[in-house]
Protein backbone atom coordinates (compact mmCIF):
# COMPACT_ATOMS: atom_id res chain seq x y z
CA MET A 1 15.69 -25.61 42.07
CA ILE A 2 12.13 -23.97 41.74
CA ILE A 3 11.95 -19.92 41.52
CA GLU A 4 8.95 -17.93 42.30
CA ILE A 5 8.33 -14.98 40.26
CA VAL A 6 5.87 -12.52 42.09
CA ILE A 7 3.84 -9.62 40.63
CA PRO A 8 5.85 -6.40 40.77
CA SER A 9 4.83 -3.32 42.60
CA PRO A 10 4.31 -0.29 39.98
CA GLY A 11 4.30 1.96 42.88
CA GLU A 12 3.28 3.05 46.34
CA SER A 13 -0.32 2.54 47.16
CA ILE A 14 -1.08 0.27 44.38
CA THR A 15 -2.02 -3.38 45.61
CA GLU A 16 -3.86 -4.83 42.57
CA VAL A 17 -2.70 -5.04 39.04
CA GLU A 18 -3.88 -6.76 35.70
CA ILE A 19 -1.89 -9.21 33.83
CA ALA A 20 -2.65 -7.96 30.29
CA ARG A 21 -1.12 -11.11 28.52
CA TRP A 22 1.28 -14.09 29.26
CA LEU A 23 3.95 -13.72 26.42
CA VAL A 24 4.91 -17.60 26.73
CA LYS A 25 2.97 -20.89 26.65
CA ASP A 26 2.71 -22.73 30.21
CA ASN A 27 5.35 -25.51 30.59
CA SER A 28 7.76 -23.86 28.07
CA TRP A 29 11.23 -23.14 28.02
CA VAL A 30 12.12 -19.55 29.01
CA GLU A 31 15.61 -17.85 29.12
CA LYS A 32 17.06 -15.54 31.75
CA ASP A 33 15.83 -12.03 31.34
CA GLN A 34 13.30 -12.95 28.85
CA GLU A 35 10.12 -11.06 29.07
CA VAL A 36 7.40 -13.56 30.03
CA ALA A 37 4.20 -11.54 30.86
CA GLU A 38 2.82 -7.78 30.62
CA VAL A 39 1.36 -6.23 33.88
CA GLU A 40 -0.66 -3.28 33.78
CA SER A 41 -1.54 -1.06 36.56
CA GLU A 42 -3.40 2.16 36.83
CA LYS A 43 -0.15 4.21 36.41
CA ALA A 44 1.90 2.15 33.48
CA THR A 45 2.61 -1.12 32.00
CA LEU A 46 5.44 -3.17 33.33
CA PRO A 47 6.81 -6.55 32.07
CA ILE A 48 7.42 -9.58 34.37
CA THR A 49 11.17 -11.19 33.34
CA ALA A 50 12.58 -14.45 33.99
CA SER A 51 14.98 -14.26 36.74
CA GLN A 52 16.76 -17.71 35.75
CA SER A 53 16.40 -19.75 32.52
CA GLY A 54 14.35 -22.73 33.21
CA LEU A 55 10.90 -24.39 32.32
CA ILE A 56 8.13 -22.02 33.34
CA SER A 57 4.69 -22.77 35.20
CA ILE A 58 2.01 -20.19 34.93
CA LYS A 59 0.25 -19.78 38.19
CA ILE A 60 -2.07 -16.93 37.25
CA LYS A 61 -4.30 -16.54 34.60
CA GLU A 62 -4.75 -13.20 32.71
CA GLY A 63 -6.81 -10.65 34.35
CA ALA A 64 -6.82 -9.25 37.95
CA ALA A 65 -4.05 -10.14 40.35
CA LYS A 66 -2.46 -9.00 43.68
CA VAL A 67 0.98 -7.23 43.94
CA GLY A 68 3.38 -9.77 45.46
CA GLN A 69 1.20 -12.54 44.58
CA VAL A 70 3.42 -15.45 42.67
CA ALA A 71 2.68 -15.19 39.05
CA CYS A 72 4.81 -18.14 37.91
CA THR A 73 7.65 -20.42 38.94
CA ILE A 74 10.67 -21.20 37.04
CA ASP A 75 12.40 -24.90 37.08
CA THR A 76 15.96 -24.20 36.86
CA LYS A 77 16.84 -27.81 37.20
CA ALA A 78 14.72 -28.74 34.30
CA LYS A 79 16.87 -29.64 30.91
CA LYS A 80 16.55 -27.45 27.79
CA PRO A 81 14.91 -29.26 24.92
CA GLU A 82 16.86 -30.32 22.23
CA GLY A 83 17.13 -27.83 19.23
CA LEU A 84 15.18 -25.02 20.94
CA SER A 85 16.79 -21.84 20.08
CA ASN A 86 17.65 -19.06 22.42
CA GLU A 87 15.08 -16.76 20.96
CA SER A 88 11.73 -16.03 22.76
CA ASN A 89 9.25 -18.87 22.48
CA ASN A 90 6.16 -16.64 22.37
CA GLU A 91 3.28 -18.16 21.13
CA LYS A 92 2.61 -18.11 17.21
CA ALA A 93 -0.35 -19.10 15.31
CA GLU A 94 0.16 -22.37 12.97
CA ILE A 95 0.79 -21.80 9.53
CA PRO A 96 -1.26 -23.90 7.29
CA GLN A 97 0.94 -25.08 4.39
CA LYS A 98 -0.05 -25.77 0.95
CA THR A 99 0.57 -29.29 -0.17
CA ASP A 100 0.78 -28.59 -3.83
CA ALA A 101 2.28 -25.50 -5.19
CA ASN A 102 0.27 -25.51 -8.41
CA GLU A 103 -2.97 -26.53 -6.42
CA LYS A 104 -6.19 -24.99 -7.97
CA PHE A 105 -8.87 -23.91 -5.81
CA GLU A 106 -11.91 -25.60 -6.52
CA SER A 107 -14.70 -23.04 -5.49
CA ASN A 108 -15.05 -19.75 -7.69
CA ASP A 109 -15.26 -17.48 -4.76
CA ILE A 110 -11.57 -18.06 -4.04
CA LEU A 111 -8.91 -16.19 -5.11
CA ARG A 112 -7.10 -17.92 -8.23
CA GLU A 113 -3.74 -16.43 -7.67
CA THR A 114 -0.35 -17.27 -6.18
CA ILE A 115 -0.55 -16.33 -2.51
CA THR A 116 2.07 -16.95 0.58
CA PRO A 117 1.65 -20.34 1.91
CA GLU A 118 0.03 -19.04 5.45
CA LEU A 119 -2.57 -17.38 3.25
CA SER A 120 -3.48 -20.39 1.10
CA LYS A 121 -7.09 -20.83 2.95
CA VAL A 122 -8.21 -17.47 2.99
CA LYS A 123 -11.14 -17.14 1.09
CA ALA A 124 -12.66 -14.05 -0.82
CA THR A 125 -16.03 -13.58 -2.88
CA PRO A 126 -15.92 -12.33 -6.59
CA LEU A 127 -17.44 -8.97 -5.26
CA ALA A 128 -14.26 -8.62 -2.88
CA LYS A 129 -11.87 -9.59 -5.54
CA LYS A 130 -12.98 -7.14 -7.87
CA LEU A 131 -13.07 -4.37 -5.01
CA MET A 132 -9.34 -5.59 -4.25
CA ASP A 133 -8.42 -5.55 -7.78
CA GLU A 134 -9.81 -2.06 -8.04
CA LYS A 135 -8.05 -0.55 -5.01
CA GLY A 136 -4.42 -2.45 -5.96
CA LEU A 137 -4.90 -4.36 -3.01
CA SER A 138 -3.50 -8.16 -2.17
CA ILE A 139 -4.79 -10.55 0.48
CA GLU A 140 -1.69 -9.62 2.72
CA ASP A 141 -2.95 -5.96 2.34
CA VAL A 142 -6.21 -6.60 3.62
CA ILE A 143 -5.14 -8.98 6.23
CA SER A 144 -2.38 -7.01 7.69
CA GLY A 145 -5.07 -4.07 7.98
CA LEU A 146 -7.34 -5.98 10.23
CA ARG A 147 -7.21 -5.00 13.71
CA LYS A 148 -10.17 -6.81 15.50
CA ILE A 149 -12.18 -9.86 14.81
CA THR A 150 -15.94 -9.45 15.45
CA THR A 151 -18.93 -11.91 15.82
CA ARG A 152 -19.66 -11.41 12.21
CA GLU A 153 -16.11 -12.97 11.24
CA VAL A 154 -16.35 -15.76 13.33
CA LEU A 155 -19.92 -16.78 12.29
CA LEU A 156 -19.01 -16.61 8.88
CA ALA A 157 -15.60 -18.55 9.26
CA THR A 158 -17.64 -21.32 11.13
CA SER A 159 -20.87 -21.53 9.41
CA GLY A 160 -19.98 -21.39 5.60
CA SER A 161 -22.58 -18.51 5.44
CA THR A 162 -24.06 -17.34 1.89
CA THR A 163 -24.05 -13.83 1.15
CA THR A 164 -27.66 -13.36 2.37
CA GLU A 165 -26.67 -15.03 5.73
CA ALA A 166 -23.56 -12.97 5.74
CA ASN A 167 -25.76 -9.75 5.46
CA GLU A 168 -28.09 -11.06 8.37
CA VAL A 169 -25.05 -11.53 10.47
CA GLN A 170 -23.98 -8.20 9.78
CA THR A 171 -27.20 -6.32 10.68
CA ALA A 172 -27.59 -8.33 13.77
CA ARG A 173 -27.88 -6.33 16.92
CA THR A 174 -25.20 -7.29 19.30
CA GLU A 175 -23.13 -5.66 22.22
CA GLU A 176 -19.76 -6.34 22.97
CA ARG A 177 -18.47 -5.96 26.44
CA ILE A 178 -14.73 -5.64 27.47
CA PRO A 179 -13.66 -5.00 31.13
CA MET A 180 -11.81 -1.55 32.06
CA SER A 181 -8.14 -1.87 32.09
CA GLN A 182 -6.60 -0.49 35.69
CA LEU A 183 -5.18 2.09 33.66
CA ARG A 184 -8.35 3.20 32.23
CA LYS A 185 -10.00 3.00 35.61
CA LYS A 186 -7.60 5.47 37.00
CA LEU A 187 -7.66 7.69 34.12
CA SER A 188 -11.40 7.89 34.42
CA GLN A 189 -11.33 8.75 38.26
CA ARG A 190 -8.51 11.35 37.48
CA LEU A 191 -10.55 13.22 34.91
CA VAL A 192 -13.59 13.47 36.95
CA ALA A 193 -11.73 14.30 39.86
CA VAL A 194 -10.10 17.56 37.88
CA LYS A 195 -13.57 18.50 36.86
CA ASN A 196 -14.64 18.28 40.33
CA GLU A 197 -11.63 19.72 42.11
CA THR A 198 -10.14 22.33 40.10
CA ALA A 199 -11.53 25.84 38.72
CA MET A 200 -10.75 24.88 35.28
CA LEU A 201 -10.74 27.45 32.75
CA THR A 202 -9.63 27.75 28.89
CA THR A 203 -8.51 30.54 26.86
CA PHE A 204 -7.77 30.59 23.24
CA ASN A 205 -5.60 32.09 20.48
CA GLU A 206 -4.25 31.44 16.98
CA VAL A 207 -0.77 31.01 15.68
CA ASP A 208 0.15 31.76 12.06
CA MET A 209 2.55 28.79 11.21
CA SER A 210 4.07 30.53 7.96
CA ARG A 211 7.42 30.89 9.57
CA ILE A 212 7.69 27.28 11.56
CA ILE A 213 6.69 25.85 8.28
CA GLN A 214 9.47 27.47 5.98
CA ILE A 215 11.85 26.83 8.41
CA ARG A 216 11.13 22.89 8.64
CA LYS A 217 10.79 23.11 4.85
CA THR A 218 14.05 24.71 4.29
CA TYR A 219 16.36 22.75 6.67
CA GLN A 220 14.74 19.83 7.35
CA GLU A 221 16.89 17.82 5.17
CA ALA A 222 20.18 19.21 6.44
CA PHE A 223 18.75 18.88 10.15
CA GLN A 224 17.68 15.22 9.91
CA GLN A 225 21.76 14.66 8.18
CA LYS A 226 23.13 16.22 11.23
CA HIS A 227 20.82 15.10 13.98
CA GLY A 228 19.61 11.76 12.81
CA VAL A 229 16.11 12.77 13.52
CA LYS A 230 13.11 14.93 11.74
CA LEU A 231 12.51 18.26 12.89
CA GLY A 232 8.80 18.28 14.02
CA TYR A 233 6.47 20.82 15.30
CA MET A 234 6.71 19.65 18.85
CA SER A 235 10.34 21.01 19.23
CA PHE A 236 9.05 24.67 18.77
CA PHE A 237 6.25 24.29 20.81
CA THR A 238 8.39 22.97 23.64
CA ARG A 239 10.92 25.48 23.49
CA ALA A 240 8.53 28.29 23.10
CA VAL A 241 6.39 27.09 26.24
CA VAL A 242 9.81 26.94 28.55
CA GLU A 243 10.50 30.47 27.31
CA ALA A 244 7.02 31.66 28.04
CA LEU A 245 6.94 29.66 31.67
CA LYS A 246 10.17 31.54 32.68
CA GLN A 247 8.19 34.86 32.03
CA HIS A 248 4.93 33.40 33.80
CA PRO A 249 6.40 31.04 36.68
CA VAL A 250 2.85 30.68 37.97
CA VAL A 251 1.72 28.72 35.04
CA ASN A 252 4.48 26.28 35.85
CA SER A 253 3.04 25.93 39.48
CA ARG A 254 1.04 23.46 41.61
CA ILE A 255 -1.12 23.47 44.48
CA GLU A 256 0.33 21.40 47.54
CA ASP A 257 -0.59 21.40 50.83
CA ASN A 258 -2.04 24.94 50.59
CA GLU A 259 0.83 26.23 49.25
CA ILE A 260 1.72 27.24 45.47
CA VAL A 261 4.85 25.34 44.49
CA SER A 262 6.95 27.10 41.54
CA PRO A 263 9.64 24.96 40.54
CA ASN A 264 12.83 26.62 38.88
CA TYR A 265 12.88 23.64 36.38
CA TYR A 266 10.62 22.77 33.51
CA ASP A 267 9.85 18.98 33.26
CA ILE A 268 7.29 19.17 30.15
CA GLY A 269 4.94 16.40 29.66
CA ILE A 270 4.10 15.13 26.20
CA ALA A 271 0.59 13.55 25.85
CA VAL A 272 0.96 10.42 23.49
CA GLN A 273 -1.61 7.64 22.39
CA THR A 274 -0.62 4.24 23.16
CA PRO A 275 -2.60 0.84 22.89
CA LYS A 276 -3.05 1.11 26.46
CA GLY A 277 -4.75 4.54 26.53
CA LEU A 278 -3.37 8.07 27.01
CA MET A 279 -0.02 8.88 28.48
CA VAL A 280 2.10 11.67 29.41
CA PRO A 281 5.55 10.80 29.66
CA ILE A 282 7.93 13.98 30.67
CA ILE A 283 10.60 15.43 28.99
CA ARG A 284 13.29 16.21 31.95
CA ASN A 285 14.47 19.90 32.21
CA ALA A 286 13.75 20.86 28.82
CA GLU A 287 15.26 24.23 29.24
CA LYS A 288 18.77 22.51 29.14
CA LEU A 289 17.89 20.80 25.59
CA THR A 290 18.58 21.70 22.23
CA MET A 291 15.83 21.26 19.29
CA ALA A 292 17.53 18.00 18.06
CA GLN A 293 17.59 16.85 21.89
CA ILE A 294 14.20 17.29 22.19
CA GLU A 295 13.01 15.62 18.93
CA ARG A 296 15.30 12.50 20.10
CA GLU A 297 13.47 12.47 23.34
CA ILE A 298 10.07 12.72 21.84
CA VAL A 299 10.77 9.66 19.40
CA ARG A 300 12.08 7.72 22.19
CA LEU A 301 9.09 8.11 24.41
CA SER A 302 6.90 7.71 21.55
CA GLU A 303 8.44 4.16 20.54
CA LYS A 304 8.18 3.04 24.40
CA GLY A 305 4.57 4.08 24.10
CA LYS A 306 3.93 2.05 21.01
CA GLN A 307 5.34 -1.00 22.61
CA GLY A 308 3.73 -0.74 25.84
CA ARG A 309 7.10 0.04 27.68
CA ILE A 310 6.45 3.56 29.26
CA GLY A 311 7.42 2.90 33.30
CA LEU A 312 6.66 4.83 36.18
CA THR A 313 10.08 7.01 35.52
CA ASP A 314 8.82 8.05 32.49
CA LEU A 315 5.58 9.49 33.81
CA GLU A 316 6.68 10.67 37.58
CA GLY A 317 6.73 14.62 38.02
CA GLY A 318 5.86 17.16 35.20
CA THR A 319 5.28 20.62 35.56
CA PHE A 320 3.50 21.62 32.14
CA THR A 321 1.90 19.21 29.45
CA ILE A 322 1.42 19.84 25.96
CA THR A 323 -0.99 17.83 24.25
CA ASN A 324 -1.59 17.50 20.14
CA GLY A 325 -5.08 16.95 19.02
CA GLY A 326 -4.36 18.10 15.81
CA ILE A 327 -2.53 14.97 14.52
CA PHE A 328 -6.33 13.69 14.79
CA GLY A 329 -7.95 16.29 12.70
CA SER A 330 -8.90 18.59 15.78
CA MET A 331 -9.83 22.03 14.95
CA LEU A 332 -10.29 23.05 18.84
CA SER A 333 -10.78 21.56 22.32
CA THR A 334 -10.48 22.06 25.90
CA PRO A 335 -7.77 20.15 27.22
CA ILE A 336 -8.28 18.69 30.66
CA LEU A 337 -5.39 19.44 33.11
CA ASN A 338 -3.06 16.94 34.14
CA PRO A 339 -2.85 17.12 38.17
CA PRO A 340 -1.12 18.40 39.93
CA GLN A 341 -0.24 20.36 37.19
CA ALA A 342 -2.07 23.91 36.96
CA ALA A 343 -1.88 24.31 33.15
CA ILE A 344 -2.03 22.34 29.73
CA LEU A 345 -1.43 23.57 26.31
CA GLY A 346 -3.51 22.18 23.30
CA MET A 347 -2.29 22.16 19.89
CA HIS A 348 -4.56 21.32 16.82
CA ASN A 349 -4.59 20.81 13.15
CA ILE A 350 -3.06 23.49 10.90
CA VAL A 351 -5.53 24.91 8.17
CA ASP A 352 -5.42 27.56 5.27
CA ARG A 353 -7.35 30.53 6.34
CA PRO A 354 -8.01 34.12 5.29
CA VAL A 355 -5.91 36.52 7.41
CA ALA A 356 -6.01 40.18 7.48
CA ILE A 357 -2.55 41.47 6.93
CA ASP A 358 -1.41 44.94 6.34
CA GLY A 359 -5.19 45.83 5.50
CA GLY A 360 -5.36 43.31 2.80
CA VAL A 361 -6.37 39.32 3.05
CA GLU A 362 -4.19 36.61 2.49
CA ILE A 363 -4.21 32.92 2.96
CA ARG A 364 -2.15 31.72 5.88
CA PRO A 365 -1.51 28.19 7.90
CA VAL A 366 -3.14 28.95 10.92
CA MET A 367 -3.43 26.66 14.18
CA TYR A 368 -5.66 27.65 17.04
CA ILE A 369 -4.22 26.83 20.42
CA ALA A 370 -5.81 26.49 23.89
CA LEU A 371 -4.51 26.96 27.33
CA SER A 372 -6.58 25.13 29.94
CA TYR A 373 -5.63 26.16 33.45
CA ASP A 374 -6.53 26.12 37.21
CA HIS A 375 -7.92 29.68 38.07
CA ARG A 376 -7.51 29.00 41.70
CA ILE A 377 -3.85 30.03 41.60
CA ILE A 378 -3.64 31.21 37.70
CA ASP A 379 -5.30 34.63 36.94
CA GLY A 380 -6.45 35.91 33.62
CA LYS A 381 -3.25 38.14 33.23
CA ASP A 382 -1.03 35.17 33.31
CA SER A 383 -2.86 32.77 31.51
CA VAL A 384 -3.58 35.08 28.63
CA GLY A 385 -0.18 36.57 28.79
CA PHE A 386 1.48 33.18 28.54
CA LEU A 387 -0.43 31.96 25.81
CA VAL A 388 0.10 35.38 23.75
CA ARG A 389 3.87 35.00 24.56
CA VAL A 390 3.74 31.44 23.13
CA LYS A 391 2.00 32.71 19.96
CA GLN A 392 4.79 35.48 19.51
CA MET A 393 7.76 33.22 19.52
CA LEU A 394 5.88 30.58 17.28
CA GLU A 395 5.42 33.09 14.73
CA ASN A 396 8.80 34.66 15.16
CA PRO A 397 11.00 31.85 16.15
CA GLU A 398 14.05 33.93 16.70
CA GLN A 399 12.74 35.37 19.78
CA MET A 400 13.26 31.91 21.37
CA LEU A 401 17.04 32.56 21.17
CA SER A 402 16.65 35.82 23.22
CA GLY A 403 14.50 34.46 26.04
CA GLY A 404 11.24 35.46 24.34
CA MET A 405 12.20 38.90 23.79
CA ASN A 406 11.85 40.84 20.79
CA PRO A 407 15.72 40.76 19.45
CA ASP A 408 15.58 44.35 18.22
CA ARG A 409 14.41 45.58 21.66
CA LEU A 410 16.82 43.53 23.54
CA LEU A 411 19.61 44.79 21.09
CA LEU A 412 18.56 48.66 21.90
CA ASP A 413 17.91 47.71 25.61
CA ILE A 414 14.50 49.16 25.61
């Protein structure tokens, strides 16, 4: 029986997607529920899975495809090849084998050391070998660190170039053209639309991170032993943001059909960089989560992002977004809104700076924070007030336990 596997729909109004890559070879054996391809849309990356075991026949090459189009067929009556395991038959590169374990390399520009069989044909010049020795690197270290093969490497590998020829290749004026993915196209459209259709404004403040750093240093081991996850900065920011949003609900709002919609729940988007581009998966009902639960959810979403498995259900909705450019070393930025949300908080790197404390100067770890907001519905009072409240709770984390209020004032009912 021949079963047709069609391109899945990533969501409403999407008619065209892109087959990012096939995970199996044509006319190979696949198992039921095995992932056979990755489909990339303007919203998310989805897997195509085999509904039955059988012999697969690929009907569409990698590239643009229509939703509902037959991507492949599976012949369920075909016999499974003998000796084939149930593991994925994903294409693997052929591994060259050494015929003699004691083989000596003839050329003096080849490493004269024992290496793994799959790297037995890798060459290195004397200068490269010397640099590797100085850095304490092996061939495996260098190969595993490569992320892209350029025309230079291809020409060098195929032409047996000399050092002079290699330098000529390196200095050649070349260009590389890569088609934009569906996700990147949609992201570009959304970013331009935000600039054109909103009255975006950014306000800034700075946070003394001393208390949070002290808490993490003091309780990191105990926290990790009990909850099985590290205590990061994002859980502090998420909790502070939720409490500040409760006091400034318009910052948690959006414009919809000429109405201002203010949810009574707090779905916080966490911007993460993935191989497919920037995505913003959502932490649902963050107001109900403990610090440990927030950290676990961040780890879960980050792992899905790295694996290219963030789906529509992870991205839909969201009332407010946090983005952390500090992990890349950013000192200051003006984050762009994530529509239809009306505000986004930007975190940045932590740097020791001189700070005036009680008439003196002390060195404190300081982070600049930025709030970009849609001025059509958020006024300066709420935007600045929100950011100040976030600052106060980050500098005094105990306030997060009292709804963002000063515990002393709360105790005294003043």
